[in-house]
Amino acid sequence: NIRDAREEQLNGSGLFRLWDQERGVERVVDFGSREARGRFAEYTRQRDEQLKSLFSRHGVDCVDIDTQSDYIKPLSLFFRSRAKRL
């Protein structure tokens, strides 16, 4: 799961053009609105829950990767822990 801290720090940020890759839909959202930020935060929370649930149902492991950090450490830890399970 790729996480970007900028998606969680939208306080009064103004207008953003968002592209929903899965649906092929583009929307402009005013994150200057507290209501819009709340809806977006709820949407991302639900999306994360749905992904984790889907992965769990199908026995797929999930690794959280932060776009602002080095991805090598979380991946290394994941592969080491996975190797111990085998």
Protein backbone atom coordinates (compact mmCIF):
# COMPACT_ATOMS: atom_id res chain seq x y z
CA ASN A 1 0.00 0.00 0.00
CA ILE A 2 1.58 3.28 -1.12
CA ARG A 3 1.00 6.13 1.31
CA ASP A 4 1.64 9.80 0.63
CA ALA A 5 1.63 12.12 3.65
CA ARG A 6 0.52 14.96 1.39
CA GLU A 7 -2.87 13.24 1.07
CA GLU A 8 -3.29 13.50 4.83
CA GLN A 9 -2.12 17.13 5.17
CA LEU A 10 -4.63 19.04 3.05
CA ASN A 11 -5.48 21.79 5.54
CA GLY A 12 -6.89 24.69 3.54
CA SER A 13 -4.90 23.73 0.46
CA GLY A 14 -7.36 25.01 -2.15
CA LEU A 15 -8.32 23.43 -5.47
CA PHE A 16 -6.90 20.09 -6.58
CA ARG A 17 -7.51 18.10 -9.71
CA LEU A 18 -7.88 14.42 -8.77
CA TRP A 19 -7.74 11.53 -11.21
CA ASP A 20 -9.40 8.24 -10.22
CA GLN A 21 -7.37 5.69 -12.16
CA GLU A 22 -9.77 2.80 -11.55
CA ARG A 23 -12.86 4.66 -12.72
CA GLY A 24 -11.23 6.89 -15.32
CA VAL A 25 -12.83 9.97 -13.76
CA GLU A 26 -11.30 13.37 -13.09
CA ARG A 27 -12.69 15.74 -10.45
CA VAL A 28 -11.72 19.11 -9.07
CA VAL A 29 -12.04 19.26 -5.28
CA ASP A 30 -11.74 22.33 -3.06
CA PHE A 31 -9.72 21.19 -0.06
CA GLY A 32 -10.15 24.66 1.41
CA SER A 33 -13.48 23.24 2.61
CA ARG A 34 -13.32 21.34 5.91
CA GLU A 35 -16.21 19.18 4.70
CA ALA A 36 -14.35 18.17 1.52
CA ARG A 37 -11.21 17.30 3.54
CA GLY A 38 -13.34 15.17 5.88
CA ARG A 39 -14.98 13.32 2.98
CA PHE A 40 -11.59 12.71 1.36
CA ALA A 41 -10.10 11.44 4.66
CA GLU A 42 -13.06 9.08 5.11
CA TYR A 43 -12.75 7.88 1.51
CA THR A 44 -9.05 7.09 1.90
CA ARG A 45 -9.67 5.35 5.24
CA GLN A 46 -12.39 3.16 3.69
CA ARG A 47 -10.20 2.46 0.64
CA ASP A 48 -7.35 1.29 2.88
CA GLU A 49 -9.71 -0.93 4.89
CA GLN A 50 -11.19 -2.45 1.73
CA LEU A 51 -7.75 -3.18 0.29
CA LYS A 52 -6.52 -4.80 3.50
CA SER A 53 -9.71 -6.86 3.74
CA LEU A 54 -9.42 -7.97 0.11
CA PHE A 55 -5.76 -8.90 0.54
CA SER A 56 -6.51 -10.79 3.75
CA ARG A 57 -9.39 -12.77 2.18
CA HIS A 58 -7.10 -13.91 -0.62
CA GLY A 59 -4.02 -14.54 1.52
CA VAL A 60 -2.04 -11.67 -0.02
CA ASP A 61 0.52 -9.89 2.12
CA CYS A 62 0.52 -6.11 2.28
CA VAL A 63 3.45 -3.75 2.82
CA ASP A 64 2.92 -0.07 3.59
CA ILE A 65 5.34 2.16 1.70
CA ASP A 66 5.61 5.91 2.38
CA THR A 67 6.45 8.05 -0.66
CA GLN A 68 8.51 10.41 1.52
CA SER A 69 10.75 7.64 2.91
CA ASP A 70 13.17 5.03 1.65
CA TYR A 71 11.24 1.96 0.47
CA ILE A 72 14.18 -0.44 0.91
CA LYS A 73 13.80 -0.87 4.69
CA PRO A 74 10.08 -1.80 4.78
CA LEU A 75 10.53 -4.17 1.83
CA SER A 76 13.60 -5.79 3.41
CA LEU A 77 11.76 -6.29 6.70
CA PHE A 78 8.78 -7.73 4.86
CA PHE A 79 10.87 -10.25 2.88
CA ARG A 80 12.84 -11.29 5.97
CA SER A 81 9.66 -11.91 7.99
CA ARG A 82 8.11 -13.75 5.07
CA ALA A 83 11.18 -15.98 4.69
CA LYS A 84 10.88 -16.95 8.37
CA ARG A 85 7.29 -18.12 7.78
CA LEU A 86 8.34 -20.49 4.99
